[in-house]
Amino acid sequence: MSDLGHLTETYHSLHVAPLQSQHERVAWRLEAPRADRIRVREHTCPCRRITYEFCMAGGLAFVRRTYRHDGIAVHESDWLQTRETEQLWLRILLGQAR
């Protein structure tokens, strides 16, 4: 069995693919406190200026986008059924939506 420890030392998290020319524009809205607790199910690597999180709360799911520049700006996608948000999450990761 080979030693794979070096892979976990260099792996951060998921990176989004480059934006495709024919991509869907996501309607981002300012973050709003809609639930007491939010569960982050997946997230992209924090080494990038823009990060994304797949979040769940109150039986719904959404994608949170955080932009770090001269401060922090946090936006959310629409809160949808989990299946719909999973599809949006995949399109974001593949560069098919932003």
Protein backbone atom coordinates (compact mmCIF):
# COMPACT_ATOMS: atom_id res chain seq x y z
CA MET A 1 0.00 0.00 0.00
CA SER A 2 1.46 3.39 -0.96
CA ASP A 3 1.75 6.40 1.31
CA LEU A 4 -0.75 9.06 0.15
CA GLY A 5 -0.12 11.48 3.01
CA HIS A 6 1.49 13.99 0.68
CA LEU A 7 -1.82 14.41 -1.17
CA THR A 8 -3.70 15.54 1.92
CA GLU A 9 -0.98 18.08 2.70
CA THR A 10 -1.37 19.81 -0.68
CA TYR A 11 -5.16 19.45 -1.12
CA HIS A 12 -7.09 22.53 -0.02
CA SER A 13 -10.61 22.06 -1.31
CA LEU A 14 -12.57 22.32 -4.55
CA HIS A 15 -11.67 25.03 -7.06
CA VAL A 16 -14.27 26.30 -9.52
CA ALA A 17 -13.55 25.79 -13.20
CA PRO A 18 -12.93 28.83 -15.42
CA LEU A 19 -16.10 30.61 -16.48
CA GLN A 20 -17.50 29.33 -19.78
CA SER A 21 -18.48 31.83 -22.45
CA GLN A 22 -22.09 30.60 -22.48
CA HIS A 23 -22.87 30.67 -18.76
CA GLU A 24 -25.94 31.21 -16.63
CA ARG A 25 -26.05 34.42 -14.59
CA VAL A 26 -27.07 33.69 -11.02
CA ALA A 27 -29.33 36.27 -9.34
CA TRP A 28 -27.20 36.99 -6.26
CA ARG A 29 -28.84 38.80 -3.34
CA LEU A 30 -27.36 40.32 -0.22
CA GLU A 31 -27.10 37.87 2.65
CA ALA A 32 -30.18 37.96 4.89
CA PRO A 33 -30.61 36.28 8.29
CA ARG A 34 -33.36 33.80 7.45
CA ALA A 35 -32.45 30.92 9.78
CA ASP A 36 -30.93 30.44 13.23
CA ARG A 37 -28.52 27.77 12.01
CA ILE A 38 -27.01 27.20 8.59
CA ARG A 39 -25.19 24.01 7.69
CA VAL A 40 -22.39 24.32 5.14
CA ARG A 41 -22.38 21.04 3.26
CA GLU A 42 -19.58 21.82 0.77
CA HIS A 43 -17.29 24.73 0.04
CA THR A 44 -14.66 25.84 -2.42
CA CYS A 45 -11.06 26.56 -1.54
CA PRO A 46 -10.48 29.69 0.57
CA CYS A 47 -7.24 30.41 -1.31
CA ARG A 48 -9.29 32.22 -3.98
CA ARG A 49 -10.71 35.74 -3.72
CA ILE A 50 -14.24 34.48 -4.38
CA THR A 51 -15.44 31.40 -2.49
CA TYR A 52 -18.70 29.49 -2.67
CA GLU A 53 -20.54 27.43 -0.05
CA PHE A 54 -23.38 24.98 -0.51
CA CYS A 55 -25.63 25.73 2.47
CA MET A 56 -28.75 24.19 3.98
CA ALA A 57 -31.24 25.62 6.47
CA GLY A 58 -34.91 25.25 7.27
CA GLY A 59 -35.46 22.47 4.74
CA LEU A 60 -34.09 24.53 1.86
CA ALA A 61 -30.67 24.98 0.28
CA PHE A 62 -28.76 27.87 -1.28
CA VAL A 63 -25.30 28.85 -2.45
CA ARG A 64 -23.43 31.53 -0.54
CA ARG A 65 -20.80 33.58 -2.41
CA THR A 66 -18.15 35.47 -0.46
CA TYR A 67 -15.98 38.06 -2.19
CA ARG A 68 -12.87 39.17 -0.33
CA HIS A 69 -11.20 42.34 -1.55
CA ASP A 70 -11.06 45.60 0.41
CA GLY A 71 -13.58 44.05 2.76
CA ILE A 72 -16.00 41.17 2.55
CA ALA A 73 -19.19 41.04 0.50
CA VAL A 74 -21.51 38.07 1.04
CA HIS A 75 -24.35 37.19 -1.33
CA GLU A 76 -26.77 34.28 -1.59
CA SER A 77 -28.58 32.53 -4.40
CA ASP A 78 -32.30 31.91 -4.14
CA TRP A 79 -33.28 29.45 -1.42
CA LEU A 80 -34.54 26.39 -3.28
CA GLN A 81 -35.26 22.72 -2.83
CA THR A 82 -32.06 20.76 -2.24
CA ARG A 83 -32.11 19.05 -5.63
CA GLU A 84 -32.32 22.36 -7.49
CA THR A 85 -29.49 23.85 -5.43
CA GLU A 86 -27.34 20.75 -6.02
CA GLN A 87 -27.74 21.34 -9.77
CA LEU A 88 -26.83 25.03 -9.37
CA TRP A 89 -23.80 24.08 -7.23
CA LEU A 90 -22.57 21.72 -9.95
CA ARG A 91 -23.03 24.37 -12.67
CA ILE A 92 -21.02 26.84 -10.56
CA LEU A 93 -18.21 24.30 -10.05
CA LEU A 94 -18.12 23.51 -13.77
CA GLY A 95 -17.99 27.19 -14.78
CA GLN A 96 -21.47 27.03 -16.29
CA ALA A 97 -22.99 29.54 -13.84
CA ARG A 98 -21.83 32.57 -11.88
